Amino acid sequence: MVLPIEDNFLSKFLSLRTLTVDNFNKVFQHYDRDNSGAINGDEIAEFFTDLVEVTSHDFDAQKVEEVIAFMKKKCDKNKDGKFQKDELMAFLSLGSE
């Protein structure tokens, strides 16, 4: 039996460069499945897999791991291994609420 492939949620937002704060909030809420206020654990892998798939033609598991490592260095300001909303918003230059 073939299982259906889940759509890439980020692909609904054609360009992250034009992502509005409202749409960012929808994206963040989608990936923050446990409503902890942060993207953590498996949520990180899902978010960045979708991100790499939307933004790169060179898509593979190694690329996703490289992006996660880079983002942890650049965005995880409090070094807790999670991505809070404000950390991702700042990286995407959306400012804060």
PDB file of N, CA and C in Angstrom:
ATOM      1  N   MET A   1       0.838  -1.169   0.000  1.00  0.00           N
ATOM      2  CA  MET A   1       0.000   0.000   0.000  1.00  0.00           C
ATOM      3  C   MET A   1       0.891   1.243   0.000  1.00  0.00           C
ATOM      4  N   VAL A   2       0.530   2.218  -0.772  1.00  0.00           N
ATOM      5  CA  VAL A   2       1.260   3.476  -0.835  1.00  0.00           C
ATOM      6  C   VAL A   2       0.543   4.493   0.039  1.00  0.00           C
ATOM      7  N   LEU A   3       1.304   5.092   0.938  1.00  0.00           N
ATOM      8  CA  LEU A   3       0.742   6.109   1.821  1.00  0.00           C
ATOM      9  C   LEU A   3       0.814   7.471   1.142  1.00  0.00           C
ATOM     10  N   PRO A   4      -0.172   8.314   1.349  1.00  0.00           N
ATOM     11  CA  PRO A   4      -0.119   9.650   0.745  1.00  0.00           C
ATOM     12  C   PRO A   4       0.994  10.481   1.382  1.00  0.00           C
ATOM     13  N   ILE A   5       1.638  11.283   0.567  1.00  0.00           N
ATOM     14  CA  ILE A   5       2.687  12.169   1.067  1.00  0.00           C
ATOM     15  C   ILE A   5       2.035  13.452   1.557  1.00  0.00           C
ATOM     16  N   GLU A   6       2.386  13.841   2.776  1.00  0.00           N
ATOM     17  CA  GLU A   6       1.826  15.075   3.333  1.00  0.00           C
ATOM     18  C   GLU A   6       2.373  16.269   2.565  1.00  0.00           C
ATOM     19  N   ASP A   7       1.506  17.198   2.255  1.00  0.00           N
ATOM     20  CA  ASP A   7       1.926  18.414   1.564  1.00  0.00           C
ATOM     21  C   ASP A   7       2.898  19.202   2.436  1.00  0.00           C
ATOM     22  N   ASN A   8       3.799  19.875   1.783  1.00  0.00           N
ATOM     23  CA  ASN A   8       4.727  20.760   2.460  1.00  0.00           C
ATOM     24  C   ASN A   8       3.949  22.014   2.856  1.00  0.00           C
ATOM     25  N   PHE A   9       3.737  22.206   4.153  1.00  0.00           N
ATOM     26  CA  PHE A   9       2.938  23.324   4.636  1.00  0.00           C
ATOM     27  C   PHE A   9       3.518  24.663   4.200  1.00  0.00           C
ATOM     28  N   LEU A  10       4.835  24.783   4.200  1.00  0.00           N
ATOM     29  CA  LEU A  10       5.464  26.055   3.825  1.00  0.00           C
ATOM     30  C   LEU A  10       5.250  26.407   2.362  1.00  0.00           C
ATOM     31  N   SER A  11       5.007  25.415   1.531  1.00  0.00           N
ATOM     32  CA  SER A  11       4.812  25.705   0.110  1.00  0.00           C
ATOM     33  C   SER A  11       3.558  26.534  -0.135  1.00  0.00           C
ATOM     34  N   LYS A  12       2.658  26.581   0.843  1.00  0.00           N
ATOM     35  CA  LYS A  12       1.459  27.418   0.720  1.00  0.00           C
ATOM     36  C   LYS A  12       1.807  28.905   0.742  1.00  0.00           C
ATOM     37  N   PHE A  13       2.974  29.207   1.281  1.00  0.00           N
ATOM     38  CA  PHE A  13       3.447  30.587   1.388  1.00  0.00           C
ATOM     39  C   PHE A  13       4.584  30.719   0.387  1.00  0.00           C
ATOM     40  N   LEU A  14       4.246  31.020  -0.841  1.00  0.00           N
ATOM     41  CA  LEU A  14       5.143  30.904  -1.978  1.00  0.00           C
ATOM     42  C   LEU A  14       6.548  31.420  -1.743  1.00  0.00           C
ATOM     43  N   SER A  15       6.686  32.501  -1.029  1.00  0.00           N
ATOM     44  CA  SER A  15       8.009  33.060  -0.803  1.00  0.00           C
ATOM     45  C   SER A  15       8.135  33.487   0.652  1.00  0.00           C
ATOM     46  N   LEU A  16       9.164  32.990   1.302  1.00  0.00           N
ATOM     47  CA  LEU A  16       9.397  33.410   2.681  1.00  0.00           C
ATOM     48  C   LEU A  16       9.820  34.874   2.733  1.00  0.00           C
ATOM     49  N   ARG A  17      10.277  35.401   1.603  1.00  0.00           N
ATOM     50  CA  ARG A  17      10.660  36.813   1.570  1.00  0.00           C
ATOM     51  C   ARG A  17       9.462  37.732   1.701  1.00  0.00           C
ATOM     52  N   THR A  18       8.296  37.258   1.328  1.00  0.00           N
ATOM     53  CA  THR A  18       7.094  38.083   1.421  1.00  0.00           C
ATOM     54  C   THR A  18       6.149  37.561   2.499  1.00  0.00           C
ATOM     55  N   LEU A  19       6.666  36.791   3.396  1.00  0.00           N
ATOM     56  CA  LEU A  19       5.868  36.226   4.481  1.00  0.00           C
ATOM     57  C   LEU A  19       5.434  37.337   5.430  1.00  0.00           C
ATOM     58  N   THR A  20       4.144  37.471   5.626  1.00  0.00           N
ATOM     59  CA  THR A  20       3.629  38.485   6.547  1.00  0.00           C
ATOM     60  C   THR A  20       3.690  37.951   7.969  1.00  0.00           C
ATOM     61  N   VAL A  21       3.581  38.824   8.929  1.00  0.00           N
ATOM     62  CA  VAL A  21       3.570  38.409  10.332  1.00  0.00           C
ATOM     63  C   VAL A  21       2.388  37.480  10.594  1.00  0.00           C
ATOM     64  N   ASP A  22       1.238  37.794  10.012  1.00  0.00           N
ATOM     65  CA  ASP A  22       0.062  36.949  10.189  1.00  0.00           C
ATOM     66  C   ASP A  22       0.312  35.536   9.647  1.00  0.00           C
ATOM     67  N   ASN A  23       0.896  35.448   8.454  1.00  0.00           N
ATOM     68  CA  ASN A  23       1.196  34.135   7.883  1.00  0.00           C
ATOM     69  C   ASN A  23       2.283  33.422   8.669  1.00  0.00           C
ATOM     70  N   PHE A  24       3.271  34.177   9.145  1.00  0.00           N
ATOM     71  CA  PHE A  24       4.298  33.572   9.988  1.00  0.00           C
ATOM     72  C   PHE A  24       3.661  32.930  11.223  1.00  0.00           C
ATOM     73  N   ASN A  25       2.714  33.625  11.829  1.00  0.00           N
ATOM     74  CA  ASN A  25       2.038  33.075  13.004  1.00  0.00           C
ATOM     75  C   ASN A  25       1.325  31.767  12.669  1.00  0.00           C
ATOM     76  N   LYS A  26       0.721  31.693  11.488  1.00  0.00           N
ATOM     77  CA  LYS A  26       0.070  30.449  11.047  1.00  0.00           C
ATOM     78  C   LYS A  26       1.098  29.339  10.868  1.00  0.00           C
ATOM     79  N   VAL A  27       2.225  29.685  10.267  1.00  0.00           N
ATOM     80  CA  VAL A  27       3.298  28.705  10.063  1.00  0.00           C
ATOM     81  C   VAL A  27       3.811  28.217  11.408  1.00  0.00           C
ATOM     82  N   PHE A  28       4.102  29.150  12.299  1.00  0.00           N
ATOM     83  CA  PHE A  28       4.652  28.778  13.602  1.00  0.00           C
ATOM     84  C   PHE A  28       3.670  27.880  14.359  1.00  0.00           C
ATOM     85  N   GLN A  29       2.421  28.241  14.350  1.00  0.00           N
ATOM     86  CA  GLN A  29       1.398  27.448  15.041  1.00  0.00           C
ATOM     87  C   GLN A  29       1.302  26.043  14.455  1.00  0.00           C
ATOM     88  N   HIS A  30       1.434  25.932  13.146  1.00  0.00           N
ATOM     89  CA  HIS A  30       1.373  24.618  12.499  1.00  0.00           C
ATOM     90  C   HIS A  30       2.491  23.702  12.994  1.00  0.00           C
ATOM     91  N   TYR A  31       3.703  24.236  13.069  1.00  0.00           N
ATOM     92  CA  TYR A  31       4.850  23.407  13.452  1.00  0.00           C
ATOM     93  C   TYR A  31       4.989  23.253  14.965  1.00  0.00           C
ATOM     94  N   ASP A  32       4.472  24.164  15.745  1.00  0.00           N
ATOM     95  CA  ASP A  32       4.509  24.061  17.205  1.00  0.00           C
ATOM     96  C   ASP A  32       3.341  23.177  17.664  1.00  0.00           C
ATOM     97  N   ARG A  33       3.448  21.919  17.341  1.00  0.00           N
ATOM     98  CA  ARG A  33       2.342  20.975  17.562  1.00  0.00           C
ATOM     99  C   ARG A  33       1.969  20.788  19.034  1.00  0.00           C
ATOM    100  N   ASP A  34       2.938  20.941  19.916  1.00  0.00           N
ATOM    101  CA  ASP A  34       2.637  20.759  21.341  1.00  0.00           C
ATOM    102  C   ASP A  34       2.268  22.066  22.030  1.00  0.00           C
ATOM    103  N   ASN A  35       2.161  23.139  21.262  1.00  0.00           N
ATOM    104  CA  ASN A  35       1.787  24.463  21.786  1.00  0.00           C
ATOM    105  C   ASN A  35       2.671  24.909  22.941  1.00  0.00           C
ATOM    106  N   SER A  36       3.962  24.608  22.830  1.00  0.00           N
ATOM    107  CA  SER A  36       4.905  24.982  23.879  1.00  0.00           C
ATOM    108  C   SER A  36       5.427  26.406  23.718  1.00  0.00           C
ATOM    109  N   GLY A  37       5.144  27.023  22.579  1.00  0.00           N
ATOM    110  CA  GLY A  37       5.682  28.352  22.310  1.00  0.00           C
ATOM    111  C   GLY A  37       7.046  28.300  21.654  1.00  0.00           C
ATOM    112  N   ALA A  38       7.475  27.081  21.320  1.00  0.00           N
ATOM    113  CA  ALA A  38       8.766  26.889  20.660  1.00  0.00           C
ATOM    114  C   ALA A  38       8.659  25.704  19.713  1.00  0.00           C
ATOM    115  N   ILE A  39       9.468  25.751  18.671  1.00  0.00           N
ATOM    116  CA  ILE A  39       9.600  24.595  17.793  1.00  0.00           C
ATOM    117  C   ILE A  39      10.765  23.798  18.347  1.00  0.00           C
ATOM    118  N   ASN A  40      10.482  22.556  18.743  1.00  0.00           N
ATOM    119  CA  ASN A  40      11.517  21.738  19.373  1.00  0.00           C
ATOM    120  C   ASN A  40      11.368  20.278  18.964  1.00  0.00           C
ATOM    121  N   GLY A  41      12.386  19.492  19.261  1.00  0.00           N
ATOM    122  CA  GLY A  41      12.348  18.062  18.979  1.00  0.00           C
ATOM    123  C   GLY A  41      12.043  17.758  17.520  1.00  0.00           C
ATOM    124  N   ASP A  42      11.091  16.859  17.302  1.00  0.00           N
ATOM    125  CA  ASP A  42      10.712  16.463  15.942  1.00  0.00           C
ATOM    126  C   ASP A  42      10.127  17.627  15.150  1.00  0.00           C
ATOM    127  N   GLU A  43       9.577  18.608  15.845  1.00  0.00           N
ATOM    128  CA  GLU A  43       9.023  19.781  15.168  1.00  0.00           C
ATOM    129  C   GLU A  43      10.121  20.511  14.391  1.00  0.00           C
ATOM    130  N   ILE A  44      11.328  20.557  14.957  1.00  0.00           N
ATOM    131  CA  ILE A  44      12.461  21.214  14.297  1.00  0.00           C
ATOM    132  C   ILE A  44      12.767  20.518  12.980  1.00  0.00           C
ATOM    133  N   ALA A  45      12.863  19.202  13.027  1.00  0.00           N
ATOM    134  CA  ALA A  45      13.177  18.445  11.813  1.00  0.00           C
ATOM    135  C   ALA A  45      12.107  18.646  10.744  1.00  0.00           C
ATOM    136  N   GLU A  46      10.851  18.635  11.141  1.00  0.00           N
ATOM    137  CA  GLU A  46       9.760  18.818  10.181  1.00  0.00           C
ATOM    138  C   GLU A  46       9.805  20.219   9.565  1.00  0.00           C
ATOM    139  N   PHE A  47       9.954  21.249  10.405  1.00  0.00           N
ATOM    140  CA  PHE A  47       9.995  22.621   9.918  1.00  0.00           C
ATOM    141  C   PHE A  47      11.147  22.816   8.935  1.00  0.00           C
ATOM    142  N   PHE A  48      12.348  22.392   9.325  1.00  0.00           N
ATOM    143  CA  PHE A  48      13.504  22.651   8.480  1.00  0.00           C
ATOM    144  C   PHE A  48      13.546  21.748   7.250  1.00  0.00           C
ATOM    145  N   THR A  49      12.960  20.562   7.317  1.00  0.00           N
ATOM    146  CA  THR A  49      12.832  19.742   6.115  1.00  0.00           C
ATOM    147  C   THR A  49      11.959  20.469   5.098  1.00  0.00           C
ATOM    148  N   ASP A  50      10.823  20.983   5.565  1.00  0.00           N
ATOM    149  CA  ASP A  50       9.948  21.741   4.673  1.00  0.00           C
ATOM    150  C   ASP A  50      10.628  23.007   4.172  1.00  0.00           C
ATOM    151  N   LEU A  51      11.354  23.693   5.043  1.00  0.00           N
ATOM    152  CA  LEU A  51      12.047  24.924   4.656  1.00  0.00           C
ATOM    153  C   LEU A  51      13.074  24.660   3.564  1.00  0.00           C
ATOM    154  N   VAL A  52      13.882  23.636   3.748  1.00  0.00           N
ATOM    155  CA  VAL A  52      14.914  23.318   2.751  1.00  0.00           C
ATOM    156  C   VAL A  52      14.265  22.892   1.443  1.00  0.00           C
ATOM    157  N   GLU A  53      13.194  22.132   1.530  1.00  0.00           N
ATOM    158  CA  GLU A  53      12.503  21.686   0.319  1.00  0.00           C
ATOM    159  C   GLU A  53      11.951  22.868  -0.473  1.00  0.00           C
ATOM    160  N   VAL A  54      11.435  23.882   0.216  1.00  0.00           N
ATOM    161  CA  VAL A  54      10.857  25.058  -0.448  1.00  0.00           C
ATOM    162  C   VAL A  54      11.934  25.984  -1.000  1.00  0.00           C
ATOM    163  N   THR A  55      13.070  26.077  -0.319  1.00  0.00           N
ATOM    164  CA  THR A  55      14.063  27.091  -0.681  1.00  0.00           C
ATOM    165  C   THR A  55      15.276  26.565  -1.434  1.00  0.00           C
ATOM    166  N   SER A  56      15.395  25.254  -1.605  1.00  0.00           N
ATOM    167  CA  SER A  56      16.607  24.708  -2.208  1.00  0.00           C
ATOM    168  C   SER A  56      16.273  23.643  -3.239  1.00  0.00           C
ATOM    169  N   HIS A  57      17.023  23.661  -4.323  1.00  0.00           N
ATOM    170  CA  HIS A  57      16.885  22.601  -5.325  1.00  0.00           C
ATOM    171  C   HIS A  57      17.715  21.390  -4.920  1.00  0.00           C
ATOM    172  N   ASP A  58      18.669  21.601  -4.036  1.00  0.00           N
ATOM    173  CA  ASP A  58      19.572  20.558  -3.567  1.00  0.00           C
ATOM    174  C   ASP A  58      19.058  20.055  -2.225  1.00  0.00           C
ATOM    175  N   PHE A  59      18.055  19.186  -2.251  1.00  0.00           N
ATOM    176  CA  PHE A  59      17.347  18.759  -1.053  1.00  0.00           C
ATOM    177  C   PHE A  59      17.726  17.331  -0.673  1.00  0.00           C
ATOM    178  N   ASP A  60      18.295  17.170   0.522  1.00  0.00           N
ATOM    179  CA  ASP A  60      18.530  15.844   1.074  1.00  0.00           C
ATOM    180  C   ASP A  60      18.681  15.966   2.592  1.00  0.00           C
ATOM    181  N   ALA A  61      18.740  14.842   3.268  1.00  0.00           N
ATOM    182  CA  ALA A  61      18.794  14.827   4.731  1.00  0.00           C
ATOM    183  C   ALA A  61      20.024  15.554   5.262  1.00  0.00           C
ATOM    184  N   GLN A  62      21.147  15.428   4.578  1.00  0.00           N
ATOM    185  CA  GLN A  62      22.364  16.111   5.025  1.00  0.00           C
ATOM    186  C   GLN A  62      22.191  17.624   4.958  1.00  0.00           C
ATOM    187  N   LYS A  63      21.563  18.107   3.898  1.00  0.00           N
ATOM    188  CA  LYS A  63      21.316  19.546   3.756  1.00  0.00           C
ATOM    189  C   LYS A  63      20.436  20.042   4.897  1.00  0.00           C
ATOM    190  N   VAL A  64      19.406  19.262   5.252  1.00  0.00           N
ATOM    191  CA  VAL A  64      18.523  19.639   6.357  1.00  0.00           C
ATOM    192  C   VAL A  64      19.325  19.732   7.653  1.00  0.00           C
ATOM    193  N   GLU A  65      20.168  18.765   7.930  1.00  0.00           N
ATOM    194  CA  GLU A  65      20.989  18.788   9.150  1.00  0.00           C
ATOM    195  C   GLU A  65      21.920  19.999   9.164  1.00  0.00           C
ATOM    196  N   GLU A  66      22.484  20.342   8.011  1.00  0.00           N
ATOM    197  CA  GLU A  66      23.357  21.521   7.915  1.00  0.00           C
ATOM    198  C   GLU A  66      22.573  22.794   8.217  1.00  0.00           C
ATOM    199  N   VAL A  67      21.364  22.897   7.692  1.00  0.00           N
ATOM    200  CA  VAL A  67      20.537  24.080   7.933  1.00  0.00           C
ATOM    201  C   VAL A  67      20.161  24.163   9.413  1.00  0.00           C
ATOM    202  N   ILE A  68      19.800  23.053  10.017  1.00  0.00           N
ATOM    203  CA  ILE A  68      19.455  23.051  11.448  1.00  0.00           C
ATOM    204  C   ILE A  68      20.643  23.511  12.280  1.00  0.00           C
ATOM    205  N   ALA A  69      21.839  22.983  11.991  1.00  0.00           N
ATOM    206  CA  ALA A  69      23.035  23.383  12.736  1.00  0.00           C
ATOM    207  C   ALA A  69      23.320  24.873  12.562  1.00  0.00           C
ATOM    208  N   PHE A  70      23.197  25.375  11.330  1.00  0.00           N
ATOM    209  CA  PHE A  70      23.408  26.796  11.052  1.00  0.00           C
ATOM    210  C   PHE A  70      22.395  27.646  11.812  1.00  0.00           C
ATOM    211  N   MET A  71      21.134  27.244  11.743  1.00  0.00           N
ATOM    212  CA  MET A  71      20.077  28.017  12.401  1.00  0.00           C
ATOM    213  C   MET A  71      20.245  28.025  13.916  1.00  0.00           C
ATOM    214  N   LYS A  72      20.690  26.930  14.485  1.00  0.00           N
ATOM    215  CA  LYS A  72      20.921  26.907  15.936  1.00  0.00           C
ATOM    216  C   LYS A  72      22.006  27.908  16.316  1.00  0.00           C
ATOM    217  N   LYS A  73      23.038  28.024  15.473  1.00  0.00           N
ATOM    218  CA  LYS A  73      24.102  28.990  15.738  1.00  0.00           C
ATOM    219  C   LYS A  73      23.601  30.422  15.600  1.00  0.00           C
ATOM    220  N   LYS A  74      22.793  30.679  14.573  1.00  0.00           N
ATOM    221  CA  LYS A  74      22.369  32.039  14.254  1.00  0.00           C
ATOM    222  C   LYS A  74      21.119  32.503  14.990  1.00  0.00           C
ATOM    223  N   CYS A  75      20.192  31.605  15.242  1.00  0.00           N
ATOM    224  CA  CYS A  75      18.870  32.011  15.753  1.00  0.00           C
ATOM    225  C   CYS A  75      18.618  31.667  17.202  1.00  0.00           C
ATOM    226  N   ASP A  76      19.202  30.604  17.680  1.00  0.00           N
ATOM    227  CA  ASP A  76      18.896  30.135  19.028  1.00  0.00           C
ATOM    228  C   ASP A  76      19.667  30.983  20.038  1.00  0.00           C
ATOM    229  N   LYS A  77      19.162  32.190  20.240  1.00  0.00           N
ATOM    230  CA  LYS A  77      19.872  33.187  21.052  1.00  0.00           C
ATOM    231  C   LYS A  77      20.075  32.742  22.504  1.00  0.00           C
ATOM    232  N   ASN A  78      19.110  32.019  23.068  1.00  0.00           N
ATOM    233  CA  ASN A  78      19.253  31.590  24.456  1.00  0.00           C
ATOM    234  C   ASN A  78      19.869  30.195  24.577  1.00  0.00           C
ATOM    235  N   LYS A  79      20.257  29.612  23.449  1.00  0.00           N
ATOM    236  CA  LYS A  79      20.978  28.332  23.390  1.00  0.00           C
ATOM    237  C   LYS A  79      20.251  27.203  24.116  1.00  0.00           C
ATOM    238  N   ASP A  80      18.910  27.159  23.972  1.00  0.00           N
ATOM    239  CA  ASP A  80      18.148  26.097  24.631  1.00  0.00           C
ATOM    240  C   ASP A  80      17.812  24.937  23.693  1.00  0.00           C
ATOM    241  N   GLY A  81      18.288  25.008  22.445  1.00  0.00           N
ATOM    242  CA  GLY A  81      18.043  23.937  21.489  1.00  0.00           C
ATOM    243  C   GLY A  81      16.658  23.968  20.873  1.00  0.00           C
ATOM    244  N   LYS A  82      15.921  25.047  21.139  1.00  0.00           N
ATOM    245  CA  LYS A  82      14.572  25.229  20.610  1.00  0.00           C
ATOM    246  C   LYS A  82      14.541  26.540  19.829  1.00  0.00           C
ATOM    247  N   PHE A  83      13.494  26.697  19.033  1.00  0.00           N
ATOM    248  CA  PHE A  83      13.312  27.947  18.303  1.00  0.00           C
ATOM    249  C   PHE A  83      12.022  28.598  18.759  1.00  0.00           C
ATOM    250  N   GLN A  84      12.160  29.660  19.571  1.00  0.00           N
ATOM    251  CA  GLN A  84      10.998  30.425  19.982  1.00  0.00           C
ATOM    252  C   GLN A  84      10.559  31.301  18.808  1.00  0.00           C
ATOM    253  N   LYS A  85       9.320  31.734  18.876  1.00  0.00           N
ATOM    254  CA  LYS A  85       8.739  32.536  17.803  1.00  0.00           C
ATOM    255  C   LYS A  85       9.589  33.776  17.519  1.00  0.00           C
ATOM    256  N   ASP A  86      10.007  34.485  18.549  1.00  0.00           N
ATOM    257  CA  ASP A  86      10.768  35.714  18.331  1.00  0.00           C
ATOM    258  C   ASP A  86      12.121  35.446  17.677  1.00  0.00           C
ATOM    259  N   GLU A  87      12.729  34.293  17.965  1.00  0.00           N
ATOM    260  CA  GLU A  87      14.008  33.955  17.344  1.00  0.00           C
ATOM    261  C   GLU A  87      13.842  33.741  15.844  1.00  0.00           C
ATOM    262  N   LEU A  88      12.807  33.017  15.445  1.00  0.00           N
ATOM    263  CA  LEU A  88      12.580  32.800  14.014  1.00  0.00           C
ATOM    264  C   LEU A  88      12.098  34.064  13.318  1.00  0.00           C
ATOM    265  N   MET A  89      11.283  34.855  13.999  1.00  0.00           N
ATOM    266  CA  MET A  89      10.811  36.109  13.404  1.00  0.00           C
ATOM    267  C   MET A  89      11.988  37.046  13.128  1.00  0.00           C
ATOM    268  N   ALA A  90      12.908  37.134  14.055  1.00  0.00           N
ATOM    269  CA  ALA A  90      14.070  37.999  13.868  1.00  0.00           C
ATOM    270  C   ALA A  90      14.905  37.517  12.685  1.00  0.00           C
ATOM    271  N   PHE A  91      15.090  36.208  12.574  1.00  0.00           N
ATOM    272  CA  PHE A  91      15.863  35.669  11.462  1.00  0.00           C
ATOM    273  C   PHE A  91      15.202  35.984  10.123  1.00  0.00           C
ATOM    274  N   LEU A  92      13.893  35.884  10.072  1.00  0.00           N
ATOM    275  CA  LEU A  92      13.156  36.154   8.835  1.00  0.00           C
ATOM    276  C   LEU A  92      12.883  37.657   8.656  1.00  0.00           C
ATOM    277  N   SER A  93      13.444  38.475   9.550  1.00  0.00           N
ATOM    278  CA  SER A  93      13.322  39.935   9.492  1.00  0.00           C
ATOM    279  C   SER A  93      11.876  40.411   9.528  1.00  0.00           C
ATOM    280  N   LEU A  94      11.062  39.764  10.355  1.00  0.00           N
ATOM    281  CA  LEU A  94       9.679  40.163  10.492  1.00  0.00           C
ATOM    282  C   LEU A  94       9.462  41.050  11.709  1.00  0.00           C
ATOM    283  N   GLY A  95      10.524  41.241  12.478  1.00  0.00           N
ATOM    284  CA  GLY A  95      10.366  42.043  13.691  1.00  0.00           C
ATOM    285  C   GLY A  95       9.672  41.246  14.762  1.00  0.00           C
ATOM    286  N   SER A  96       9.113  41.922  15.727  1.00  0.00           N
ATOM    287  CA  SER A  96       8.408  41.230  16.798  1.00  0.00           C
ATOM    288  C   SER A  96       6.997  41.774  16.882  1.00  0.00           C
ATOM    289  N   GLU A  97       6.157  41.017  17.585  1.00  0.00           N
ATOM    290  CA  GLU A  97       4.755  41.405  17.702  1.00  0.00           C
ATOM    291  C   GLU A  97       4.589  42.558  18.656  1.00  0.00           C
TER     292      GLU A  97
END
